[in-house]
């Protein structure tokens, strides 16, 4: 019997994954998604396809090398699609896959939650710093 998830059929229903287990392959995918740049790349692509330099401008502070590595990791994991358009000069766009879109939506909820509670975070930092000065 095939397992179906939010993003479609699960190609590996016979395996159980545990991101908390050191040797589990899901941990690498989690790191690609939740790493410093993975969250921002997925969030940046949520509104639609973007070219590399537009995405780099959107994600202030990311180097060309880190953006390229992050996009490659997310493409390999099936979250991002790299599409080369035959034009002169060639045009490359990055877009989210179905899995990438579903994941980005959850990450954007987390981002909105964090941004909405930053006053509490800043107050907690100040209190901590006073207590540990």
N, C-alpha and C. Protein backbone atom coordinates (compact mmCIF):
# COMPACT_ATOMS: atom_id res chain seq x y z
N UNK A 1 0.84 -1.18 0.00
CA UNK A 1 0.00 0.00 0.00
C UNK A 1 0.89 1.24 0.00
N UNK A 2 0.59 2.18 -0.87
CA UNK A 2 1.38 3.40 -1.02
C UNK A 2 0.97 4.45 0.00
N UNK A 3 1.96 5.06 0.66
CA UNK A 3 1.70 6.14 1.60
C UNK A 3 1.61 7.45 0.83
N UNK A 4 0.62 8.26 1.16
CA UNK A 4 0.45 9.55 0.49
C UNK A 4 0.66 10.65 1.52
N UNK A 5 1.46 11.67 1.14
CA UNK A 5 1.72 12.81 2.02
C UNK A 5 1.08 14.05 1.43
N UNK A 6 1.25 15.20 2.10
CA UNK A 6 0.70 16.46 1.59
C UNK A 6 1.20 16.78 0.19
N UNK A 7 2.42 16.37 -0.10
CA UNK A 7 3.04 16.72 -1.38
C UNK A 7 2.96 15.60 -2.41
N UNK A 8 2.21 14.54 -2.10
CA UNK A 8 2.05 13.46 -3.07
C UNK A 8 2.48 12.13 -2.49
N UNK A 9 2.64 11.11 -3.35
CA UNK A 9 3.02 9.79 -2.88
C UNK A 9 4.41 9.82 -2.24
N UNK A 10 4.57 9.07 -1.17
CA UNK A 10 5.86 8.96 -0.51
C UNK A 10 6.62 7.83 -1.19
N UNK A 11 7.78 8.14 -1.82
CA UNK A 11 8.50 7.10 -2.57
C UNK A 11 9.19 6.09 -1.68
N UNK A 12 9.27 6.31 -0.37
CA UNK A 12 9.98 5.40 0.52
C UNK A 12 9.16 5.03 1.75
N UNK A 13 7.91 4.58 1.58
CA UNK A 13 7.07 4.30 2.75
C UNK A 13 7.58 3.15 3.61
N UNK A 14 8.46 2.29 3.07
CA UNK A 14 8.93 1.15 3.84
C UNK A 14 10.02 1.53 4.85
N UNK A 15 10.53 2.76 4.77
CA UNK A 15 11.58 3.21 5.68
C UNK A 15 11.02 4.14 6.73
N UNK A 16 11.59 4.07 7.91
CA UNK A 16 11.26 5.02 8.97
C UNK A 16 12.47 5.91 9.15
N UNK A 17 12.23 7.21 9.15
CA UNK A 17 13.31 8.16 9.31
C UNK A 17 13.22 8.80 10.68
N UNK A 18 14.39 9.10 11.25
CA UNK A 18 14.45 9.72 12.57
C UNK A 18 15.55 10.77 12.54
N UNK A 19 15.16 12.03 12.39
CA UNK A 19 16.12 13.12 12.27
C UNK A 19 16.99 13.26 13.52
N UNK A 20 16.53 12.71 14.65
CA UNK A 20 17.31 12.77 15.88
C UNK A 20 18.43 11.73 15.93
N UNK A 21 18.37 10.74 15.04
CA UNK A 21 19.41 9.72 14.97
C UNK A 21 20.58 10.23 14.13
N UNK A 22 21.78 10.14 14.68
CA UNK A 22 22.97 10.70 14.04
C UNK A 22 23.17 10.20 12.61
N UNK A 23 22.93 8.95 12.35
CA UNK A 23 23.20 8.37 11.04
C UNK A 23 22.05 8.48 10.05
N UNK A 24 20.92 9.05 10.46
CA UNK A 24 19.76 9.11 9.58
C UNK A 24 19.98 10.13 8.45
N UNK A 25 19.65 9.72 7.24
CA UNK A 25 19.84 10.59 6.08
C UNK A 25 18.94 11.82 6.12
N UNK A 26 17.89 11.77 6.90
CA UNK A 26 16.99 12.93 6.99
C UNK A 26 17.68 14.12 7.67
N UNK A 27 18.70 13.83 8.47
CA UNK A 27 19.39 14.92 9.17
C UNK A 27 20.08 15.86 8.19
N UNK A 28 20.69 15.34 7.15
CA UNK A 28 21.35 16.19 6.16
C UNK A 28 20.34 17.09 5.45
N UNK A 29 19.19 16.53 5.09
CA UNK A 29 18.15 17.34 4.46
C UNK A 29 17.66 18.43 5.41
N UNK A 30 17.51 18.08 6.68
CA UNK A 30 17.10 19.06 7.68
C UNK A 30 18.12 20.20 7.77
N UNK A 31 19.38 19.85 7.74
CA UNK A 31 20.43 20.86 7.79
C UNK A 31 20.39 21.77 6.56
N UNK A 32 20.12 21.20 5.39
CA UNK A 32 20.04 22.01 4.17
C UNK A 32 18.87 23.00 4.26
N UNK A 33 17.76 22.55 4.81
CA UNK A 33 16.56 23.39 4.91
C UNK A 33 16.73 24.46 5.98
N UNK A 34 17.22 24.05 7.14
CA UNK A 34 17.22 24.96 8.29
C UNK A 34 18.53 25.68 8.51
N UNK A 35 19.51 25.44 7.65
CA UNK A 35 20.77 26.16 7.77
C UNK A 35 20.54 27.65 7.55
N UNK A 36 21.55 28.41 7.86
CA UNK A 36 21.44 29.87 7.79
C UNK A 36 20.82 30.36 6.48
N UNK A 37 21.25 29.77 5.37
CA UNK A 37 20.78 30.27 4.07
C UNK A 37 19.61 29.47 3.51
N UNK A 38 19.44 28.22 3.89
CA UNK A 38 18.37 27.39 3.35
C UNK A 38 17.00 27.98 3.62
N UNK A 39 16.76 28.41 4.84
CA UNK A 39 15.48 29.02 5.20
C UNK A 39 15.21 30.24 4.34
N UNK A 40 16.24 31.07 4.16
CA UNK A 40 16.07 32.31 3.40
C UNK A 40 15.88 32.05 1.91
N UNK A 41 16.57 31.05 1.38
CA UNK A 41 16.38 30.70 -0.04
C UNK A 41 14.97 30.20 -0.27
N UNK A 42 14.51 29.26 0.56
CA UNK A 42 13.16 28.73 0.39
C UNK A 42 12.12 29.84 0.56
N UNK A 43 12.30 30.69 1.57
CA UNK A 43 11.38 31.80 1.77
C UNK A 43 11.43 32.79 0.63
N UNK A 44 12.63 33.05 0.12
CA UNK A 44 12.78 33.99 -0.99
C UNK A 44 12.14 33.51 -2.28
N UNK A 45 12.14 32.21 -2.49
CA UNK A 45 11.55 31.64 -3.71
C UNK A 45 10.05 31.37 -3.58
N UNK A 46 9.50 31.58 -2.40
CA UNK A 46 8.10 31.24 -2.17
C UNK A 46 7.15 32.04 -3.07
N UNK A 47 7.49 33.27 -3.39
CA UNK A 47 6.60 34.11 -4.21
C UNK A 47 6.71 33.84 -5.70
N UNK A 48 7.64 33.00 -6.09
CA UNK A 48 7.76 32.66 -7.51
C UNK A 48 9.20 32.53 -7.95
N UNK A 49 9.38 32.12 -9.22
CA UNK A 49 10.72 31.90 -9.77
C UNK A 49 11.58 33.15 -9.70
N UNK A 50 12.88 32.94 -9.50
CA UNK A 50 13.82 34.06 -9.48
C UNK A 50 15.11 33.63 -10.16
N UNK A 51 15.76 34.61 -10.75
CA UNK A 51 17.09 34.39 -11.27
C UNK A 51 18.09 34.51 -10.12
N UNK A 52 19.28 33.99 -10.33
CA UNK A 52 20.30 33.92 -9.28
C UNK A 52 20.57 35.29 -8.66
N UNK A 53 20.86 36.29 -9.48
CA UNK A 53 21.22 37.60 -8.93
C UNK A 53 20.06 38.28 -8.23
N UNK A 54 18.85 38.06 -8.71
CA UNK A 54 17.67 38.63 -8.03
C UNK A 54 17.52 37.98 -6.65
N UNK A 55 17.74 36.68 -6.58
CA UNK A 55 17.65 35.97 -5.30
C UNK A 55 18.78 36.43 -4.37
N UNK A 56 19.94 36.66 -4.92
CA UNK A 56 21.07 37.14 -4.12
C UNK A 56 20.78 38.53 -3.55
N UNK A 57 20.16 39.38 -4.35
CA UNK A 57 19.77 40.71 -3.84
C UNK A 57 18.69 40.59 -2.78
N UNK A 58 17.78 39.65 -2.94
CA UNK A 58 16.69 39.44 -1.98
C UNK A 58 17.22 38.99 -0.63
N UNK A 59 18.26 38.15 -0.65
CA UNK A 59 18.84 37.59 0.58
C UNK A 59 20.09 38.39 0.91
N UNK A 60 19.89 39.50 1.54
CA UNK A 60 20.98 40.42 1.87
C UNK A 60 22.06 39.71 2.69
N UNK A 61 23.31 39.80 2.24
CA UNK A 61 24.42 39.26 3.00
C UNK A 61 24.93 37.91 2.53
N UNK A 62 24.20 37.22 1.68
CA UNK A 62 24.67 35.91 1.21
C UNK A 62 25.71 36.11 0.11
N UNK A 63 26.79 35.34 0.18
CA UNK A 63 27.81 35.41 -0.88
C UNK A 63 27.35 34.59 -2.08
N UNK A 64 27.96 34.87 -3.20
CA UNK A 64 27.64 34.12 -4.41
C UNK A 64 27.93 32.63 -4.20
N UNK A 65 29.05 32.33 -3.56
CA UNK A 65 29.44 30.95 -3.31
C UNK A 65 28.43 30.23 -2.41
N UNK A 66 28.03 30.87 -1.33
CA UNK A 66 27.09 30.23 -0.40
C UNK A 66 25.72 30.06 -1.03
N UNK A 67 25.28 31.04 -1.80
CA UNK A 67 23.98 30.91 -2.47
C UNK A 67 24.02 29.76 -3.47
N UNK A 68 25.10 29.67 -4.22
CA UNK A 68 25.24 28.59 -5.19
C UNK A 68 25.23 27.22 -4.51
N UNK A 69 25.99 27.08 -3.42
CA UNK A 69 26.04 25.81 -2.70
C UNK A 69 24.68 25.46 -2.09
N UNK A 70 24.00 26.46 -1.56
CA UNK A 70 22.69 26.22 -0.94
C UNK A 70 21.68 25.79 -2.00
N UNK A 71 21.67 26.48 -3.13
CA UNK A 71 20.75 26.12 -4.21
C UNK A 71 21.02 24.70 -4.71
N UNK A 72 22.29 24.33 -4.84
CA UNK A 72 22.62 22.98 -5.30
C UNK A 72 22.15 21.93 -4.30
N UNK A 73 22.35 22.18 -3.01
CA UNK A 73 21.91 21.21 -1.98
C UNK A 73 20.39 21.08 -1.99
N UNK A 74 19.69 22.21 -2.09
CA UNK A 74 18.22 22.16 -2.09
C UNK A 74 17.68 21.54 -3.37
N UNK A 75 18.38 21.74 -4.48
CA UNK A 75 17.98 21.11 -5.74
C UNK A 75 18.18 19.59 -5.64
N UNK A 76 19.30 19.18 -5.09
CA UNK A 76 19.60 17.75 -4.93
C UNK A 76 18.56 17.07 -4.04
N UNK A 77 18.11 17.78 -3.00
CA UNK A 77 17.12 17.22 -2.07
C UNK A 77 15.69 17.30 -2.60
N UNK A 78 15.49 17.96 -3.74
CA UNK A 78 14.17 18.00 -4.35
C UNK A 78 13.29 19.16 -3.92
N UNK A 79 13.87 20.20 -3.32
CA UNK A 79 13.10 21.37 -2.89
C UNK A 79 13.10 22.48 -3.93
N UNK A 80 14.15 22.53 -4.74
CA UNK A 80 14.33 23.60 -5.72
C UNK A 80 14.55 22.99 -7.09
N UNK A 81 14.02 23.66 -8.10
CA UNK A 81 14.22 23.26 -9.49
C UNK A 81 15.01 24.35 -10.19
N UNK A 82 16.08 23.97 -10.87
CA UNK A 82 16.89 24.89 -11.66
C UNK A 82 16.51 24.70 -13.12
N UNK A 83 16.05 25.78 -13.73
CA UNK A 83 15.59 25.68 -15.12
C UNK A 83 16.40 26.63 -15.99
N UNK A 84 17.05 26.05 -17.03
CA UNK A 84 17.83 26.84 -17.97
C UNK A 84 16.96 27.12 -19.19
N UNK A 85 16.75 28.40 -19.48
CA UNK A 85 15.96 28.80 -20.65
C UNK A 85 16.92 29.08 -21.80
N UNK A 86 16.61 28.50 -22.95
CA UNK A 86 17.49 28.71 -24.10
C UNK A 86 17.21 30.09 -24.69
N UNK A 87 18.11 30.97 -24.39
CA UNK A 87 18.06 32.34 -24.90
C UNK A 87 19.51 32.78 -25.00
N UNK A 88 19.72 33.92 -25.59
CA UNK A 88 21.07 34.45 -25.67
C UNK A 88 21.09 35.77 -24.96
N UNK A 89 21.82 35.90 -23.86
CA UNK A 89 22.55 34.83 -23.17
C UNK A 89 21.58 33.89 -22.45
N UNK A 90 22.06 32.68 -22.11
CA UNK A 90 21.19 31.73 -21.42
C UNK A 90 20.65 32.33 -20.11
N UNK A 91 19.41 32.01 -19.81
CA UNK A 91 18.76 32.53 -18.60
C UNK A 91 18.42 31.35 -17.70
N UNK A 92 18.83 31.46 -16.44
CA UNK A 92 18.59 30.40 -15.46
C UNK A 92 17.65 30.93 -14.38
N UNK A 93 16.60 30.17 -14.11
CA UNK A 93 15.66 30.54 -13.05
C UNK A 93 15.58 29.40 -12.04
N UNK A 94 15.34 29.80 -10.80
CA UNK A 94 15.15 28.84 -9.73
C UNK A 94 13.72 28.96 -9.24
N UNK A 95 13.10 27.82 -9.00
CA UNK A 95 11.72 27.80 -8.51
C UNK A 95 11.58 26.67 -7.51
N UNK A 96 10.56 26.76 -6.68
CA UNK A 96 10.31 25.70 -5.72
C UNK A 96 9.54 24.56 -6.38
N UNK A 97 9.84 23.35 -5.97
CA UNK A 97 9.05 22.18 -6.36
C UNK A 97 7.82 22.15 -5.44
N UNK A 98 6.96 21.18 -5.63
CA UNK A 98 5.81 21.01 -4.73
C UNK A 98 6.27 20.81 -3.29
N UNK A 99 7.29 19.99 -3.10
CA UNK A 99 7.84 19.76 -1.77
C UNK A 99 8.45 21.05 -1.22
N UNK A 100 9.14 21.78 -2.07
CA UNK A 100 9.74 23.05 -1.66
C UNK A 100 8.71 24.08 -1.25
N UNK A 101 7.61 24.14 -1.99
CA UNK A 101 6.53 25.08 -1.68
C UNK A 101 5.90 24.76 -0.33
N UNK A 102 5.62 23.48 -0.09
CA UNK A 102 5.02 23.07 1.19
C UNK A 102 5.98 23.36 2.35
N UNK A 103 7.26 23.10 2.14
CA UNK A 103 8.26 23.35 3.18
C UNK A 103 8.42 24.84 3.42
N UNK A 104 8.49 25.62 2.36
CA UNK A 104 8.64 27.08 2.49
C UNK A 104 7.47 27.68 3.25
N UNK A 105 6.26 27.19 3.02
CA UNK A 105 5.09 27.71 3.73
C UNK A 105 5.24 27.52 5.24
N UNK A 106 5.73 26.37 5.64
CA UNK A 106 5.95 26.11 7.08
C UNK A 106 7.06 27.00 7.63
N UNK A 107 8.11 27.19 6.86
CA UNK A 107 9.21 28.06 7.30
C UNK A 107 8.76 29.52 7.39
N UNK A 108 7.92 29.95 6.47
CA UNK A 108 7.41 31.32 6.51
C UNK A 108 6.52 31.54 7.74
N UNK A 109 5.78 30.50 8.15
CA UNK A 109 5.01 30.59 9.40
C UNK A 109 5.96 30.81 10.57
N UNK A 110 7.07 30.08 10.58
CA UNK A 110 8.07 30.24 11.64
C UNK A 110 8.67 31.64 11.61
N UNK A 111 9.00 32.13 10.43
CA UNK A 111 9.58 33.48 10.28
C UNK A 111 8.60 34.53 10.79
N UNK A 112 7.34 34.41 10.40
CA UNK A 112 6.32 35.37 10.86
C UNK A 112 6.16 35.32 12.37
N UNK A 113 6.19 34.12 12.92
CA UNK A 113 6.08 33.94 14.37
C UNK A 113 7.26 34.64 15.06
N UNK A 114 8.46 34.41 14.57
CA UNK A 114 9.65 35.02 15.16
C UNK A 114 9.59 36.54 15.05
N UNK A 115 9.28 37.05 13.88
CA UNK A 115 9.22 38.51 13.69
C UNK A 115 8.14 39.13 14.58
N UNK A 116 7.05 38.43 14.78
CA UNK A 116 5.96 38.93 15.61
C UNK A 116 6.27 38.92 17.10
N UNK A 117 7.30 38.18 17.49
CA UNK A 117 7.66 38.07 18.90
C UNK A 117 9.06 38.62 19.21
N UNK A 118 9.60 39.41 18.31
CA UNK A 118 10.96 39.94 18.52
C UNK A 118 11.04 40.87 19.73
N UNK A 119 9.98 41.58 20.06
CA UNK A 119 10.02 42.44 21.25
C UNK A 119 10.28 41.58 22.49
N UNK A 120 9.64 40.41 22.57
CA UNK A 120 9.87 39.50 23.69
C UNK A 120 11.29 38.95 23.68
N UNK A 121 11.79 38.64 22.50
CA UNK A 121 13.15 38.12 22.38
C UNK A 121 14.16 39.17 22.85
N UNK A 122 13.98 40.41 22.39
CA UNK A 122 14.90 41.47 22.78
C UNK A 122 14.84 41.75 24.28
N UNK A 123 13.64 41.71 24.85
CA UNK A 123 13.50 41.90 26.30
C UNK A 123 14.20 40.77 27.05
N UNK A 124 14.05 39.55 26.58
CA UNK A 124 14.70 38.40 27.22
C UNK A 124 16.22 38.53 27.14
N UNK A 125 16.73 38.99 26.02
CA UNK A 125 18.17 39.19 25.87
C UNK A 125 18.69 40.22 26.87
N UNK A 126 17.96 41.33 26.97
CA UNK A 126 18.37 42.37 27.90
C UNK A 126 18.38 41.86 29.34
N UNK A 127 17.35 41.13 29.72
CA UNK A 127 17.26 40.57 31.06
C UNK A 127 18.41 39.58 31.30
N UNK A 128 18.68 38.74 30.33
CA UNK A 128 19.78 37.77 30.44
C UNK A 128 21.11 38.50 30.60
N UNK A 129 21.33 39.50 29.74
CA UNK A 129 22.59 40.24 29.80
C UNK A 129 22.79 40.95 31.13
N UNK A 130 21.72 41.50 31.68
CA UNK A 130 21.80 42.15 33.00
C UNK A 130 22.15 41.12 34.07
N UNK A 131 21.54 39.97 34.01
CA UNK A 131 21.75 38.93 35.02
C UNK A 131 23.15 38.30 34.92
N UNK A 132 23.73 38.34 33.73
CA UNK A 132 25.01 37.67 33.53
C UNK A 132 26.16 38.66 33.29
N UNK A 133 25.96 39.91 33.66
CA UNK A 133 27.02 40.93 33.44
C UNK A 133 28.09 40.84 34.50
